Amino acid sequence: MTLTSVVKTLNVLSLEDWMQNPPQGKEWVDDKLVDKHPLVWIDNQGSEQNGMTLEHSRIQANLSFYWRSYRDSSGQGGEIYTDVPCRTTKQGRSPDVAYLTPALANQYGAANVLPQSFPLSAEIISPTDFADDVIAKAYEYLQSGGEEVWLIFPANRWVIVLTQFTRQIFVSGEIVTTQTALSGFSIAVDDVFA
């Protein structure tokens, strides 16, 4: 971490400050900066591991690629992002993968931070994540303009899709589909984790 990034991080005193210049890898949660992916965690064998794993990064790249390819082939337009900042009703978040509709891209495409949740967001669950926090974050997205949230669980190879009205679990061997945003997209669960 450079001195410049330390100074920028220390100057983030409010959600509004965060929205002006969100530090990379940080979210604004409960009135403070937190690491999106904590640096260290302890695995089942008691060994120290890095927070952002190769598996997490691979899944993020896969999902971004598939969503982008489908967006292009379907002609729906819009934008696909990774680790992109948005504001929920009370927090500053950065979904692992997000889709922005063409209308919202035209309206907010030049902003530092999307002032609402993305219509479609995905969070890849890390070993350091707590279930209560992940579920609360998903509902926070849905209450802040989000239409659909994918929670991706690498350890059990699950994809949980939430909307305002539905909750579905897709497992290995099944096909997961979008419910509201990026209409018509489907992918084998196993391809998400390939």
Protein backbone atom coordinates (compact mmCIF):
# COMPACT_ATOMS: atom_id res chain seq x y z
CA MET A 1 0.00 0.00 0.00
CA THR A 2 1.44 3.35 -0.98
CA LEU A 3 1.44 6.46 1.19
CA THR A 4 -1.04 8.06 -1.23
CA SER A 5 -3.52 5.20 -0.84
CA VAL A 6 -3.15 5.30 2.96
CA VAL A 7 -3.90 9.03 2.98
CA LYS A 8 -6.90 8.55 0.65
CA THR A 9 -8.21 5.76 2.89
CA LEU A 10 -7.80 7.87 6.03
CA ASN A 11 -9.69 10.77 4.42
CA VAL A 12 -12.82 8.65 3.92
CA LEU A 13 -14.90 9.86 6.86
CA SER A 14 -18.43 9.36 5.56
CA LEU A 15 -20.45 7.50 2.96
CA GLU A 16 -20.45 10.67 0.86
CA ASP A 17 -16.61 10.76 1.01
CA TRP A 18 -16.53 7.10 -0.04
CA MET A 19 -18.82 7.87 -2.99
CA GLN A 20 -16.46 10.61 -4.20
CA ASN A 21 -13.41 8.32 -4.27
CA PRO A 22 -14.05 4.72 -3.16
CA PRO A 23 -10.78 3.03 -2.18
CA GLN A 24 -10.07 -0.18 -4.10
CA GLY A 25 -11.12 -3.29 -2.21
CA LYS A 26 -13.01 -1.36 0.48
CA GLU A 27 -16.70 -1.05 1.23
CA TRP A 28 -18.43 1.49 3.47
CA VAL A 29 -20.36 -0.59 6.02
CA ASP A 30 -21.91 0.57 9.28
CA ASP A 31 -20.15 3.95 9.11
CA LYS A 32 -16.64 2.61 8.52
CA LEU A 33 -14.35 1.27 5.83
CA VAL A 34 -14.06 -2.51 5.71
CA ASP A 35 -12.03 -4.83 3.51
CA LYS A 36 -14.20 -6.51 0.88
CA HIS A 37 -11.93 -9.56 1.11
CA PRO A 38 -10.05 -9.72 4.42
CA LEU A 39 -6.38 -10.43 3.86
CA VAL A 40 -6.04 -13.59 5.92
CA TRP A 41 -8.20 -16.52 7.01
CA ILE A 42 -7.48 -19.91 8.57
CA ASP A 43 -8.39 -23.03 6.55
CA ASN A 44 -9.71 -26.38 7.89
CA GLN A 45 -6.15 -27.58 8.52
CA GLY A 46 -5.30 -24.48 10.58
CA SER A 47 -3.14 -22.92 7.86
CA GLU A 48 -3.22 -19.20 7.11
CA GLN A 49 -4.60 -18.36 3.63
CA ASN A 50 -5.00 -15.17 1.57
CA GLY A 51 -8.51 -13.65 1.45
CA MET A 52 -8.83 -13.41 -2.35
CA THR A 53 -8.30 -16.93 -3.65
CA LEU A 54 -7.51 -18.11 -7.15
CA GLU A 55 -10.85 -19.93 -7.12
CA HIS A 56 -12.73 -16.74 -6.26
CA SER A 57 -10.99 -14.84 -9.05
CA ARG A 58 -11.61 -17.65 -11.57
CA ILE A 59 -15.34 -17.78 -10.76
CA GLN A 60 -15.55 -13.99 -11.02
CA ALA A 61 -13.84 -14.07 -14.44
CA ASN A 62 -16.07 -16.93 -15.64
CA LEU A 63 -19.31 -15.23 -14.64
CA SER A 64 -18.21 -11.89 -16.08
CA PHE A 65 -17.27 -13.60 -19.37
CA TYR A 66 -20.57 -15.52 -19.65
CA TRP A 67 -22.73 -12.51 -18.75
CA ARG A 68 -20.80 -10.32 -21.23
CA SER A 69 -21.02 -12.93 -24.00
CA TYR A 70 -24.76 -13.31 -23.48
CA ARG A 71 -25.30 -9.55 -23.33
CA ASP A 72 -23.55 -9.27 -26.70
CA SER A 73 -25.22 -12.25 -28.40
CA SER A 74 -28.71 -11.34 -27.15
CA GLY A 75 -28.35 -7.70 -28.17
CA GLN A 76 -29.64 -6.51 -24.78
CA GLY A 77 -26.79 -4.06 -24.32
CA GLY A 78 -25.76 -2.59 -21.02
CA GLU A 79 -22.50 -3.02 -19.15
CA ILE A 80 -20.85 -5.82 -17.16
CA TYR A 81 -18.50 -4.86 -14.32
CA THR A 82 -16.34 -6.56 -11.69
CA ASP A 83 -15.62 -5.13 -8.24
CA VAL A 84 -17.59 -1.99 -9.01
CA PRO A 85 -18.85 0.45 -6.37
CA CYS A 86 -22.52 1.20 -5.76
CA ARG A 87 -24.50 2.86 -3.02
CA THR A 88 -27.29 1.04 -1.26
CA THR A 89 -29.76 2.83 1.00
CA LYS A 90 -27.18 3.01 3.79
CA GLN A 91 -23.88 1.43 2.67
CA GLY A 92 -21.20 1.61 0.00
CA ARG A 93 -20.80 -1.79 -1.65
CA SER A 94 -18.85 -3.42 -4.50
CA PRO A 95 -20.45 -6.54 -5.99
CA ASP A 96 -18.05 -9.11 -7.41
CA VAL A 97 -19.87 -9.04 -10.77
CA ALA A 98 -22.66 -6.68 -11.82
CA TYR A 99 -24.87 -5.92 -14.82
CA LEU A 100 -26.11 -2.42 -15.61
CA THR A 101 -29.01 -2.03 -18.06
CA PRO A 102 -28.57 0.22 -21.12
CA ALA A 103 -30.90 2.87 -19.63
CA LEU A 104 -28.96 3.02 -16.36
CA ALA A 105 -25.62 2.91 -18.21
CA ASN A 106 -26.72 5.98 -20.22
CA GLN A 107 -27.85 7.74 -17.05
CA TYR A 108 -24.98 6.83 -14.69
CA GLY A 109 -22.18 5.41 -16.85
CA ALA A 110 -19.78 8.27 -16.06
CA ALA A 111 -20.39 8.33 -12.29
CA ASN A 112 -17.66 7.31 -9.80
CA VAL A 113 -20.21 5.22 -7.91
CA LEU A 114 -23.62 3.96 -9.04
CA PRO A 115 -26.07 5.76 -6.70
CA GLN A 116 -28.23 2.63 -6.35
CA SER A 117 -27.76 -1.13 -6.53
CA PHE A 118 -27.11 -2.81 -9.87
CA PRO A 119 -30.11 -4.55 -11.45
CA LEU A 120 -28.14 -7.85 -11.38
CA SER A 121 -25.36 -8.46 -8.85
CA ALA A 122 -23.30 -11.50 -7.93
CA GLU A 123 -21.37 -12.10 -4.74
CA ILE A 124 -18.87 -14.97 -4.55
CA ILE A 125 -18.83 -16.23 -1.01
CA SER A 126 -15.37 -16.34 0.56
CA PRO A 127 -14.24 -18.47 3.51
CA THR A 128 -14.18 -15.29 5.63
CA ASP A 129 -17.83 -14.39 4.90
CA PHE A 130 -20.54 -14.90 7.51
CA ALA A 131 -23.92 -16.20 6.34
CA ASP A 132 -25.88 -13.44 8.11
CA ASP A 133 -23.72 -10.75 6.47
CA VAL A 134 -24.04 -12.25 2.98
CA ILE A 135 -27.82 -12.59 3.21
CA ALA A 136 -28.15 -9.07 4.64
CA LYS A 137 -26.03 -7.72 1.77
CA ALA A 138 -28.23 -9.48 -0.81
CA TYR A 139 -31.40 -8.00 0.68
CA GLU A 140 -29.69 -4.61 0.92
CA TYR A 141 -29.08 -4.78 -2.86
CA LEU A 142 -32.73 -5.73 -3.46
CA GLN A 143 -34.01 -2.88 -1.28
CA SER A 144 -31.82 -0.35 -3.11
CA GLY A 145 -32.92 -0.77 -6.71
CA GLY A 146 -31.49 -4.23 -7.37
CA GLU A 147 -33.74 -6.73 -9.13
CA GLU A 148 -31.75 -9.94 -8.75
CA VAL A 149 -28.78 -11.16 -6.69
CA TRP A 150 -26.71 -14.30 -7.24
CA LEU A 151 -24.92 -15.71 -4.18
CA ILE A 152 -22.24 -18.12 -5.35
CA PHE A 153 -20.97 -20.70 -2.85
CA PRO A 154 -17.77 -22.37 -4.14
CA ALA A 155 -17.46 -24.76 -1.18
CA ASN A 156 -20.73 -26.58 -2.00
CA ARG A 157 -21.05 -25.49 -5.65
CA TRP A 158 -24.37 -23.73 -5.08
CA VAL A 159 -25.82 -20.67 -6.76
CA ILE A 160 -28.63 -19.04 -4.82
CA VAL A 161 -30.71 -16.57 -6.85
CA LEU A 162 -32.78 -14.01 -4.97
CA THR A 163 -35.33 -11.51 -6.23
CA GLN A 164 -37.90 -9.46 -4.33
CA PHE A 165 -40.33 -12.39 -4.54
CA THR A 166 -38.32 -15.59 -5.08
CA ARG A 167 -35.42 -17.54 -3.65
CA GLN A 168 -34.00 -20.46 -5.60
CA ILE A 169 -31.04 -22.76 -5.06
CA PHE A 170 -29.23 -24.31 -8.02
CA VAL A 171 -26.70 -27.10 -7.49
CA SER A 172 -24.15 -29.04 -9.52
CA GLY A 173 -25.80 -30.71 -12.52
CA GLU A 174 -28.52 -28.05 -12.81
CA ILE A 175 -28.98 -25.00 -15.01
CA VAL A 176 -29.20 -21.58 -13.33
CA THR A 177 -31.15 -18.85 -15.10
CA THR A 178 -31.67 -15.15 -14.58
CA GLN A 179 -35.07 -14.31 -13.19
CA THR A 180 -35.49 -10.59 -13.98
CA ALA A 181 -32.34 -8.85 -15.23
CA LEU A 182 -30.28 -9.87 -18.30
CA SER A 183 -33.40 -11.69 -19.47
CA GLY A 184 -33.03 -15.22 -20.81
CA PHE A 185 -29.49 -15.93 -19.59
CA SER A 186 -28.81 -19.49 -18.44
CA ILE A 187 -25.68 -21.43 -17.55
CA ALA A 188 -24.83 -24.82 -16.12
CA VAL A 189 -23.88 -24.45 -12.45
CA ASP A 190 -20.78 -26.54 -13.16
CA ASP A 191 -19.67 -23.99 -15.79
CA VAL A 192 -19.77 -21.22 -13.20
CA PHE A 193 -17.15 -23.16 -11.21
CA ALA A 194 -15.15 -24.54 -14.18
